[in-house]
Amino acid sequence: MEAVIMERFISEGKGNGLRALREIKPGEVIYSCEPFAFCVARDFLKTACQSCLKRGESLSRCSQCKTARYCNVQCQKQAWPDHKRECKCLKHLQPRIPTDSVRLVARIIFKLLSQSESDQEELYSIAEHQSHLADMSEEKTEGLKHLCTTLQVYLAEENCDLSRLPSGLDPVSLLARVTCNCFSISDGELQDVGVGLYPSMSLLNHDCQPNCIMMFEGKRLTLRAVRVIRSAEELTISYTDILAPSKDRRSQHWDELLKESQALLHRHSDVVPDRNIYMLRLLDLAMDACISLDDYETALEYGNRALGPYKLYFSDPHPSRAVELLRVGKLQHFLGRLEEARGSFTQAYSIMSVTHGAAHALTNQVQRRLSECQAELNTL
């Protein structure tokens, strides 16, 4: 068992928090865990494996609920303990599919009622999570009540005895806790493919210049240091991603999107700099559209324009900048700009070795690309 290098404490002005028990170096793993419960995001139900969260276009579908999908039989068997009860619920509601929060809370309820596992080894239990019900507006409270009604309809097929839930963890309270404390589970390219509850990680407070970053490999969460953290210093993460709207890289009407984004870029480029957050989002969208339409030269132009603002908003080491460098590097490599590609891959690897770790699949991909690029340069 790995030595614990963090502890729970009361952070002045913030309430609960986590702090380091010793000095921690950049790139060092502080904590790693599986979720107490998780589910695939509704937008990815057809393309993400219910077990490992890997994405694919030809996943096998559950023969009963027709909703859950898997890479193979092994993934299906591994997922069955968590899926067997929700399977009936999904089948009962077909073709309707509840929201992510409803499906996640249902999984939490199944787990709490089964008593086969508990979160008592966590630094922070589900019962201790804040629901903030008393602070919610009337509109949000009404929204929770509607979600609770959906949850009850969803659970009807399983005949759950909700009176057996631990004290204080009624459906409305659980929905409120999940809303405040769950995390989006992102893949290597920072797309949010799932949502999960990681009780101890809910203790982390926000900082605009955080000293930690959370990365995922499948559904496993790893907390890493991104700079030197002193002993007794509070561990912090950033709750926000200023470019979140531009991370929606699913299928679009790419011709229309490119036309509209280019028109806006041309109209405002003389008076609004690329570092403007809205211009940067447009550059990202235009780049995506060009890649999808196989116009790689133009895509690279937009990608190169975006790199400067990315460095401004995502100071190193930050995974968002690393992913953007990887995307630009792939375009440079494909177009035969080997020196430029080597530079982009080198920068991406330098960041990812800290944020993702040397063993992460995306870090290994960057390393392979860098080796290929170097081998091609050696033959010239």
Protein backbone atom coordinates (compact mmCIF):
# COMPACT_ATOMS: atom_id res chain seq x y z
CA MET A 1 0.00 0.00 0.00
CA GLU A 2 1.39 3.41 -1.04
CA ALA A 3 2.19 5.91 1.69
CA VAL A 4 -0.42 8.65 2.08
CA ILE A 5 1.14 12.05 1.38
CA MET A 6 -1.91 14.24 1.98
CA GLU A 7 -4.34 14.84 4.81
CA ARG A 8 -7.67 16.48 5.42
CA PHE A 9 -7.68 19.82 7.26
CA ILE A 10 -9.76 22.96 7.76
CA SER A 11 -8.66 25.58 5.23
CA GLU A 12 -9.10 29.12 6.51
CA GLY A 13 -12.04 30.78 4.77
CA LYS A 14 -12.74 27.71 2.61
CA GLY A 15 -13.86 24.99 5.00
CA ASN A 16 -12.60 21.46 4.35
CA GLY A 17 -9.48 21.01 2.27
CA LEU A 18 -6.46 18.80 1.59
CA ARG A 19 -2.82 19.59 2.33
CA ALA A 20 0.56 18.00 1.71
CA LEU A 21 2.25 15.96 4.44
CA ARG A 22 5.68 16.49 2.88
CA GLU A 23 7.31 18.33 0.00
CA ILE A 24 5.99 17.07 -3.34
CA LYS A 25 7.83 17.42 -6.65
CA PRO A 26 6.28 18.41 -10.03
CA GLY A 27 4.81 15.38 -11.79
CA GLU A 28 4.63 13.31 -8.61
CA VAL A 29 1.47 11.29 -8.06
CA ILE A 30 -0.29 12.49 -4.91
CA TYR A 31 -3.36 10.26 -5.03
CA SER A 32 -4.92 7.74 -7.40
CA CYS A 33 -8.31 6.06 -7.10
CA GLU A 34 -11.29 4.45 -8.80
CA PRO A 35 -14.67 6.21 -8.49
CA PHE A 36 -17.19 5.25 -5.80
CA ALA A 37 -19.62 5.24 -8.73
CA PHE A 38 -19.55 6.51 -12.32
CA CYS A 39 -21.56 6.45 -15.54
CA VAL A 40 -20.93 7.20 -19.21
CA ALA A 41 -22.12 10.65 -20.28
CA ARG A 42 -25.37 10.47 -22.22
CA ASP A 43 -23.82 12.02 -25.35
CA PHE A 44 -21.23 9.19 -25.43
CA LEU A 45 -23.46 6.19 -24.65
CA LYS A 46 -23.14 4.91 -28.23
CA THR A 47 -19.40 5.45 -28.56
CA ALA A 48 -17.84 4.83 -25.11
CA CYS A 49 -17.33 1.50 -23.36
CA GLN A 50 -19.36 1.15 -20.16
CA SER A 51 -16.37 -0.48 -18.46
CA CYS A 52 -13.11 1.16 -19.56
CA LEU A 53 -14.55 4.32 -21.21
CA LYS A 54 -12.50 3.79 -24.38
CA ARG A 55 -14.25 5.15 -27.44
CA GLY A 56 -15.03 3.28 -30.62
CA GLU A 57 -17.62 3.18 -33.39
CA SER A 58 -18.27 -0.58 -33.36
CA LEU A 59 -18.85 -1.42 -29.70
CA SER A 60 -20.97 -4.42 -28.70
CA ARG A 61 -24.39 -3.52 -27.29
CA CYS A 62 -26.04 -5.01 -24.20
CA SER A 63 -28.67 -7.43 -25.50
CA GLN A 64 -31.11 -6.53 -22.71
CA CYS A 65 -31.18 -2.75 -22.27
CA LYS A 66 -29.80 -1.94 -25.76
CA THR A 67 -28.06 1.07 -24.20
CA ALA A 68 -24.78 0.01 -22.57
CA ARG A 69 -21.92 -0.74 -24.95
CA TYR A 70 -18.61 -2.58 -24.49
CA CYS A 71 -15.27 -3.13 -26.20
CA ASN A 72 -15.50 -6.90 -25.75
CA VAL A 73 -16.82 -9.70 -23.55
CA GLN A 74 -14.17 -9.06 -20.90
CA CYS A 75 -15.27 -5.43 -20.50
CA GLN A 76 -18.90 -6.55 -20.31
CA LYS A 77 -18.12 -9.02 -17.52
CA GLN A 78 -16.16 -6.41 -15.57
CA ALA A 79 -19.02 -3.93 -15.86
CA TRP A 80 -21.80 -6.37 -14.96
CA PRO A 81 -21.74 -5.86 -11.14
CA ASP A 82 -22.45 -2.15 -11.68
CA HIS A 83 -24.74 -2.63 -14.67
CA LYS A 84 -26.97 -5.55 -13.68
CA ARG A 85 -29.47 -3.48 -11.68
CA GLU A 86 -29.51 -0.43 -13.93
CA CYS A 87 -29.97 -2.72 -16.93
CA LYS A 88 -33.58 -3.41 -15.91
CA CYS A 89 -34.18 0.28 -15.29
CA LEU A 90 -32.83 1.31 -18.69
CA LYS A 91 -34.83 -1.42 -20.42
CA HIS A 92 -37.99 -0.28 -18.65
CA LEU A 93 -37.62 3.34 -19.81
CA GLN A 94 -36.52 2.70 -23.39
CA PRO A 95 -36.22 4.70 -25.59
CA ARG A 96 -35.95 7.43 -22.95
CA ILE A 97 -32.57 7.77 -21.23
CA PRO A 98 -32.35 9.73 -17.96
CA THR A 99 -29.81 12.48 -17.37
CA ASP A 100 -26.27 11.66 -16.23
CA SER A 101 -27.02 12.83 -12.68
CA VAL A 102 -30.06 10.53 -12.38
CA ARG A 103 -28.15 7.49 -13.69
CA LEU A 104 -25.17 8.25 -11.43
CA VAL A 105 -27.32 8.66 -8.32
CA ALA A 106 -29.09 5.40 -9.14
CA ARG A 107 -25.73 3.63 -9.23
CA ILE A 108 -24.78 5.22 -5.91
CA ILE A 109 -28.07 4.03 -4.40
CA PHE A 110 -27.54 0.49 -5.68
CA LYS A 111 -24.07 0.47 -4.16
CA LEU A 112 -25.17 1.90 -0.82
CA LEU A 113 -28.00 -0.63 -0.57
CA SER A 114 -25.87 -3.61 -1.55
CA GLN A 115 -23.40 -3.00 1.31
CA SER A 116 -20.84 -5.01 -0.67
CA GLU A 117 -18.49 -2.05 -0.73
CA SER A 118 -18.17 1.13 1.27
CA ASP A 119 -16.27 4.36 1.13
CA GLN A 120 -15.10 4.26 4.74
CA GLU A 121 -11.44 4.24 3.69
CA GLU A 122 -11.99 7.60 2.01
CA LEU A 123 -10.91 10.82 3.70
CA TYR A 124 -14.37 12.18 2.97
CA SER A 125 -17.53 10.05 2.96
CA ILE A 126 -20.64 10.57 0.86
CA ALA A 127 -22.59 11.36 4.03
CA GLU A 128 -20.18 14.24 4.74
CA HIS A 129 -20.59 15.82 1.30
CA GLN A 130 -22.35 19.15 1.40
CA SER A 131 -25.72 19.24 -0.39
CA HIS A 132 -26.13 23.06 -0.15
CA LEU A 133 -29.90 22.55 -0.31
CA ALA A 134 -30.54 25.41 2.08
CA ASP A 135 -28.57 27.81 -0.16
CA MET A 136 -30.26 26.84 -3.43
CA SER A 137 -32.65 29.12 -5.23
CA GLU A 138 -36.30 28.15 -5.56
CA GLU A 139 -35.71 27.43 -9.25
CA LYS A 140 -32.84 25.01 -8.53
CA THR A 141 -34.81 23.32 -5.76
CA GLU A 142 -37.71 22.77 -8.16
CA GLY A 143 -35.28 21.36 -10.71
CA LEU A 144 -33.98 18.88 -8.14
CA LYS A 145 -37.53 17.80 -7.33
CA HIS A 146 -38.16 17.10 -11.04
CA LEU A 147 -34.94 15.07 -11.20
CA CYS A 148 -36.05 13.18 -8.09
CA THR A 149 -39.35 12.28 -9.77
CA THR A 150 -37.42 10.99 -12.81
CA LEU A 151 -35.14 9.02 -10.48
CA GLN A 152 -38.08 7.36 -8.76
CA VAL A 153 -39.62 6.39 -12.10
CA TYR A 154 -36.24 5.06 -13.22
CA LEU A 155 -35.83 2.97 -10.04
CA ALA A 156 -39.40 1.60 -10.08
CA GLU A 157 -38.43 -1.58 -11.92
CA GLU A 158 -35.92 -2.48 -9.19
CA ASN A 159 -38.31 -1.90 -6.26
CA CYS A 160 -35.54 -0.30 -4.17
CA ASP A 161 -36.28 0.12 -0.48
CA LEU A 162 -35.00 3.69 -0.14
CA SER A 163 -35.75 3.67 3.58
CA ARG A 164 -32.64 1.48 3.99
CA LEU A 165 -30.34 4.27 2.79
CA PRO A 166 -27.99 5.76 5.41
CA SER A 167 -29.46 8.57 7.45
CA GLY A 168 -29.57 11.87 5.57
CA LEU A 169 -29.01 10.29 2.16
CA ASP A 170 -32.51 10.49 0.70
CA PRO A 171 -32.84 10.81 -3.13
CA VAL A 172 -33.16 14.63 -3.17
CA SER A 173 -30.13 15.01 -0.87
CA LEU A 174 -28.10 12.57 -2.97
CA LEU A 175 -28.97 14.43 -6.18
CA ALA A 176 -27.90 17.69 -4.56
CA ARG A 177 -24.63 16.15 -3.33
CA VAL A 178 -23.83 14.71 -6.74
CA THR A 179 -24.58 18.03 -8.46
CA CYS A 180 -22.07 19.78 -6.18
CA ASN A 181 -19.38 17.13 -5.85
CA CYS A 182 -19.11 14.90 -8.91
CA PHE A 183 -16.35 15.23 -11.52
CA SER A 184 -16.46 15.03 -15.30
CA ILE A 185 -14.29 12.13 -16.47
CA SER A 186 -12.26 13.27 -19.47
CA ASP A 187 -10.30 11.22 -21.96
CA GLY A 188 -6.78 11.93 -23.21
CA GLU A 189 -8.05 14.66 -25.54
CA LEU A 190 -10.00 16.28 -22.67
CA GLN A 191 -13.46 15.33 -23.88
CA ASP A 192 -15.86 14.64 -21.04
CA VAL A 193 -16.95 11.04 -21.67
CA GLY A 194 -18.34 10.28 -18.21
CA VAL A 195 -19.18 11.54 -14.75
CA GLY A 196 -18.08 10.06 -11.43
CA LEU A 197 -18.03 10.53 -7.68
CA TYR A 198 -14.59 10.49 -6.08
CA PRO A 199 -15.37 11.33 -2.42
CA SER A 200 -11.91 12.37 -1.19
CA MET A 201 -11.24 14.53 -4.25
CA SER A 202 -14.28 16.65 -3.39
CA LEU A 203 -12.15 18.13 -0.59
CA LEU A 204 -9.91 19.90 -3.12
CA ASN A 205 -10.46 23.66 -3.24
CA HIS A 206 -10.16 25.93 -6.27
CA ASP A 207 -7.26 28.18 -7.14
CA CYS A 208 -6.72 30.17 -10.35
CA GLN A 209 -3.05 29.10 -10.19
CA PRO A 210 -3.45 25.54 -8.86
CA ASN A 211 -0.56 23.37 -7.70
CA CYS A 212 -2.27 20.12 -8.76
CA ILE A 213 -4.08 18.71 -11.74
CA MET A 214 -6.46 15.77 -12.10
CA MET A 215 -6.02 13.39 -15.02
CA PHE A 216 -7.95 10.29 -15.97
CA GLU A 217 -6.97 7.00 -17.55
CA GLY A 218 -10.26 5.29 -18.19
CA LYS A 219 -12.26 6.02 -15.06
CA ARG A 220 -9.25 6.02 -12.74
CA LEU A 221 -8.43 9.47 -11.40
CA THR A 222 -4.86 10.53 -10.67
CA LEU A 223 -3.96 13.71 -8.83
CA ARG A 224 -0.51 15.05 -9.79
CA ALA A 225 1.57 18.00 -8.65
CA VAL A 226 2.38 20.53 -11.37
CA ARG A 227 4.90 22.50 -9.31
CA VAL A 228 6.84 22.10 -6.07
CA ILE A 229 4.39 21.86 -3.16
CA ARG A 230 5.72 22.61 0.28
CA SER A 231 4.94 20.49 3.32
CA ALA A 232 1.61 21.62 4.88
CA GLU A 233 0.71 23.63 1.74
CA GLU A 234 -2.91 23.28 0.62
CA LEU A 235 -3.54 21.16 -2.49
CA THR A 236 -5.62 23.01 -5.08
CA ILE A 237 -7.07 22.47 -8.53
CA SER A 238 -8.81 24.74 -11.05
CA TYR A 239 -12.58 24.22 -11.23
CA THR A 240 -12.94 26.06 -14.52
CA ASP A 241 -11.85 25.56 -18.11
CA ILE A 242 -12.15 28.81 -20.04
CA LEU A 243 -12.24 26.94 -23.35
CA ALA A 244 -14.82 24.36 -22.26
CA PRO A 245 -17.32 25.25 -25.04
CA SER A 246 -14.68 24.59 -27.69
CA LYS A 247 -14.05 21.05 -26.46
CA ASP A 248 -17.26 19.79 -28.07
CA ARG A 249 -15.64 17.92 -30.95
CA ARG A 250 -18.50 15.60 -31.91
CA SER A 251 -19.99 15.49 -35.39
CA GLN A 252 -21.16 18.87 -36.69
CA HIS A 253 -22.28 20.44 -39.94
CA TRP A 254 -18.66 21.21 -40.62
CA ASP A 255 -19.18 23.18 -43.88
CA GLU A 256 -21.58 25.59 -42.17
CA LEU A 257 -19.43 25.81 -39.04
CA LEU A 258 -16.29 26.64 -41.05
CA LYS A 259 -18.10 29.26 -43.12
CA GLU A 260 -19.53 30.99 -40.05
CA SER A 261 -16.33 30.86 -37.97
CA GLN A 262 -14.18 32.13 -40.87
CA ALA A 263 -16.60 34.99 -41.51
CA LEU A 264 -16.39 36.07 -37.87
CA LEU A 265 -12.59 35.72 -37.80
CA HIS A 266 -12.16 37.84 -40.96
CA ARG A 267 -14.64 40.46 -39.71
CA HIS A 268 -12.96 41.00 -36.35
CA SER A 269 -9.28 40.06 -36.82
CA ASP A 270 -8.20 43.67 -37.49
CA VAL A 271 -9.63 44.97 -34.22
CA VAL A 272 -9.77 41.96 -31.89
CA PRO A 273 -6.53 40.06 -31.09
CA ASP A 274 -6.26 36.26 -31.21
CA ARG A 275 -5.73 36.25 -27.45
CA ASN A 276 -9.34 37.38 -26.98
CA ILE A 277 -11.11 34.35 -25.52
CA TYR A 278 -13.91 34.42 -28.11
CA MET A 279 -11.45 34.71 -30.99
CA LEU A 280 -9.53 31.77 -29.56
CA ARG A 281 -12.71 29.69 -29.46
CA LEU A 282 -13.37 30.59 -33.09
CA LEU A 283 -9.81 29.56 -34.06
CA ASP A 284 -10.36 26.23 -32.31
CA LEU A 285 -13.69 25.66 -34.09
CA ALA A 286 -12.26 26.63 -37.47
CA MET A 287 -9.33 24.27 -36.94
CA ASP A 288 -11.70 21.40 -36.05
CA ALA A 289 -13.83 22.07 -39.11
CA CYS A 290 -10.83 22.18 -41.46
CA ILE A 291 -9.50 18.88 -40.08
CA SER A 292 -12.92 17.26 -40.54
CA LEU A 293 -13.04 18.57 -44.12
CA ASP A 294 -9.46 17.38 -44.85
CA ASP A 295 -8.13 20.92 -45.35
CA TYR A 296 -4.98 20.35 -43.33
CA GLU A 297 -3.00 23.38 -44.52
CA THR A 298 -5.68 25.81 -43.36
CA ALA A 299 -6.18 23.81 -40.16
CA LEU A 300 -2.49 24.26 -39.38
CA GLU A 301 -2.73 28.02 -39.96
CA TYR A 302 -5.48 28.26 -37.36
CA GLY A 303 -3.64 25.90 -35.01
CA ASN A 304 -0.45 27.98 -35.14
CA ARG A 305 -2.45 31.15 -34.42
CA ALA A 306 -4.01 29.47 -31.39
CA LEU A 307 -0.74 28.30 -29.79
CA GLY A 308 0.26 31.74 -28.48
CA PRO A 309 -3.07 32.39 -26.72
CA TYR A 310 -3.07 28.82 -25.39
CA LYS A 311 0.28 29.51 -23.73
CA LEU A 312 -1.14 32.73 -22.28
CA TYR A 313 -4.24 31.13 -20.78
CA PHE A 314 -2.78 27.71 -19.94
CA SER A 315 0.62 28.33 -18.39
CA ASP A 316 2.92 25.29 -18.38
CA PRO A 317 2.47 22.63 -17.39
CA HIS A 318 -1.19 22.36 -18.46
CA PRO A 319 -2.80 19.43 -20.32
CA SER A 320 -4.95 21.68 -22.53
CA ARG A 321 -1.86 23.28 -24.06
CA ALA A 322 -0.20 19.86 -24.42
CA VAL A 323 -3.21 18.50 -26.34
CA GLU A 324 -3.21 21.57 -28.61
CA LEU A 325 0.52 21.12 -29.27
CA LEU A 326 -0.12 17.47 -30.11
CA ARG A 327 -2.86 18.41 -32.57
CA VAL A 328 -0.65 20.99 -34.26
CA GLY A 329 2.27 18.55 -34.29
CA LYS A 330 0.17 15.89 -36.03
CA LEU A 331 -0.74 18.39 -38.77
CA GLN A 332 2.89 19.49 -39.18
CA HIS A 333 4.04 15.87 -39.35
CA PHE A 334 1.38 14.95 -41.93
CA LEU A 335 2.32 17.95 -44.07
CA GLY A 336 6.03 17.05 -43.95
CA ARG A 337 7.13 19.93 -41.74
CA LEU A 338 9.32 17.66 -39.69
CA GLU A 339 11.41 20.22 -37.78
CA GLU A 340 8.26 22.07 -36.71
CA ALA A 341 6.56 18.80 -35.76
CA ARG A 342 9.54 17.71 -33.68
CA GLY A 343 9.38 21.00 -31.78
CA SER A 344 5.64 20.65 -31.11
CA PHE A 345 5.91 17.02 -30.02
CA THR A 346 8.89 17.84 -27.77
CA GLN A 347 6.93 20.60 -26.00
CA ALA A 348 3.84 18.38 -25.69
CA TYR A 349 5.91 15.53 -24.21
CA SER A 350 7.61 17.87 -21.74
CA ILE A 351 4.21 18.96 -20.41
CA MET A 352 2.54 15.54 -20.46
CA SER A 353 5.37 13.85 -18.61
CA VAL A 354 4.32 16.07 -15.68
CA THR A 355 0.53 16.31 -16.11
CA HIS A 356 -0.21 12.82 -17.46
CA GLY A 357 2.82 10.84 -16.29
CA ALA A 358 5.26 8.80 -18.36
CA ALA A 359 3.03 5.70 -18.38
CA HIS A 360 -0.12 7.43 -19.69
CA ALA A 361 -1.32 6.25 -23.12
CA LEU A 362 -1.34 9.78 -24.55
CA THR A 363 2.20 10.48 -23.30
CA ASN A 364 3.34 7.27 -24.98
CA GLN A 365 1.59 8.33 -28.18
CA VAL A 366 3.48 11.64 -28.18
CA GLN A 367 6.76 9.83 -27.53
CA ARG A 368 6.11 7.48 -30.48
CA ARG A 369 5.30 10.42 -32.73
CA LEU A 370 8.48 12.19 -31.64
CA SER A 371 10.57 9.06 -32.36
CA GLU A 372 8.97 8.68 -35.81
CA CYS A 373 9.64 12.32 -36.59
CA GLN A 374 13.28 12.04 -35.49
CA ALA A 375 13.77 8.85 -37.54
CA GLU A 376 12.42 10.59 -40.65
CA LEU A 377 14.69 13.59 -40.08
CA ASN A 378 17.71 11.25 -39.75
CA THR A 379 17.05 9.83 -43.21
CA LEU A 380 17.12 13.23 -44.92
